[in-house]
Amino acid sequence: IQAFTMACKMALVLSLSVLAFFICLGTAEAGPQCMYKLNPYYHSRCETNDDNDNCRSACKKFEAPKYMGGMCHDEQCVCYTC
């Protein structure tokens, strides 16, 4: 019985150590995620490369400094954070 109790304690400590390792590994590798948001204030065309530049500039002004740029997608201006 004493050997069984000792084995259970060791298994518990080992499993908690493994769990802690994976939790730390997951948080260490979790970097900032890119966020995308439709710019509701951009009402110009969004079809050409020039429009992409205009969208990018508009996004840098939109909720600055959170959004770092933008691009035209499906004829709409989409801002991004990374």
Protein backbone atom coordinates (compact mmCIF):
# COMPACT_ATOMS: atom_id res chain seq x y z
CA ILE A 1 0.00 0.00 0.00
CA GLN A 2 2.84 2.39 0.84
CA ALA A 3 4.54 1.74 -2.51
CA PHE A 4 1.22 2.34 -4.28
CA THR A 5 0.76 5.67 -2.43
CA MET A 6 4.30 6.74 -3.31
CA ALA A 7 3.71 5.82 -6.97
CA CYS A 8 0.49 7.86 -7.01
CA LYS A 9 2.27 10.88 -5.53
CA MET A 10 5.06 10.61 -8.10
CA ALA A 11 2.55 10.27 -10.95
CA LEU A 12 0.67 13.32 -9.68
CA VAL A 13 3.83 15.43 -9.42
CA LEU A 14 4.99 14.29 -12.85
CA SER A 15 1.64 15.01 -14.50
CA LEU A 16 1.47 18.46 -12.87
CA SER A 17 5.01 19.19 -14.06
CA VAL A 18 4.13 18.17 -17.61
CA LEU A 19 0.95 20.25 -17.49
CA ALA A 20 2.88 23.29 -16.21
CA PHE A 21 5.48 22.81 -18.96
CA PHE A 22 2.86 22.81 -21.72
CA ILE A 23 1.05 25.80 -20.23
CA CYS A 24 4.31 27.76 -20.16
CA LEU A 25 5.18 26.59 -23.67
CA GLY A 26 1.81 27.70 -24.99
CA THR A 27 2.00 31.16 -23.43
CA ALA A 28 5.61 31.68 -24.48
CA GLU A 29 4.87 30.95 -28.13
CA ALA A 30 1.61 32.86 -28.25
CA GLY A 31 2.55 36.11 -29.94
CA PRO A 32 0.27 38.96 -30.82
CA GLN A 33 -2.36 37.96 -33.34
CA CYS A 34 -3.16 40.10 -36.37
CA MET A 35 -6.52 41.78 -36.13
CA TYR A 36 -8.48 42.91 -39.18
CA LYS A 37 -11.30 45.42 -39.28
CA LEU A 38 -13.33 46.97 -42.05
CA ASN A 39 -12.73 50.73 -42.15
CA PRO A 40 -16.26 52.20 -41.91
CA TYR A 41 -15.03 55.70 -42.79
CA TYR A 42 -13.42 54.77 -46.13
CA HIS A 43 -15.94 55.40 -48.90
CA SER A 44 -13.61 55.72 -51.90
CA ARG A 45 -13.01 53.10 -54.57
CA CYS A 46 -10.96 50.09 -53.59
CA GLU A 47 -9.94 48.39 -56.82
CA THR A 48 -6.46 49.50 -57.97
CA ASN A 49 -2.98 49.76 -56.42
CA ASP A 50 -3.53 53.50 -55.94
CA ASP A 51 -6.69 52.67 -54.02
CA ASN A 52 -4.63 50.27 -51.89
CA ASP A 53 -2.29 53.17 -51.01
CA ASN A 54 -5.25 55.38 -50.11
CA CYS A 55 -6.74 52.61 -47.99
CA ARG A 56 -3.40 52.06 -46.22
CA SER A 57 -3.13 55.78 -45.41
CA ALA A 58 -6.72 55.91 -44.20
CA CYS A 59 -6.13 52.92 -41.91
CA LYS A 60 -3.05 54.50 -40.36
CA LYS A 61 -5.28 57.42 -39.31
CA PHE A 62 -8.13 55.14 -38.23
CA GLU A 63 -7.84 54.25 -34.53
CA ALA A 64 -4.12 55.10 -34.56
CA PRO A 65 -1.70 53.69 -33.49
CA LYS A 66 -3.56 50.36 -33.28
CA TYR A 67 -3.90 49.84 -37.04
CA MET A 68 -0.62 49.88 -38.94
CA GLY A 69 -1.90 49.61 -42.48
CA GLY A 70 -4.63 48.46 -44.77
CA MET A 71 -5.47 46.83 -48.07
CA CYS A 72 -8.35 46.57 -50.46
CA HIS A 73 -10.22 43.29 -50.26
CA ASP A 74 -13.47 42.58 -52.11
CA GLU A 75 -13.67 46.29 -53.00
CA GLN A 76 -13.60 47.27 -49.31
CA CYS A 77 -10.85 48.84 -47.21
CA VAL A 78 -9.64 46.45 -44.50
CA CYS A 79 -7.27 47.68 -41.77
CA TYR A 80 -4.78 45.42 -39.98
CA THR A 81 -2.73 45.57 -36.78
CA CYS A 82 0.44 43.77 -37.88
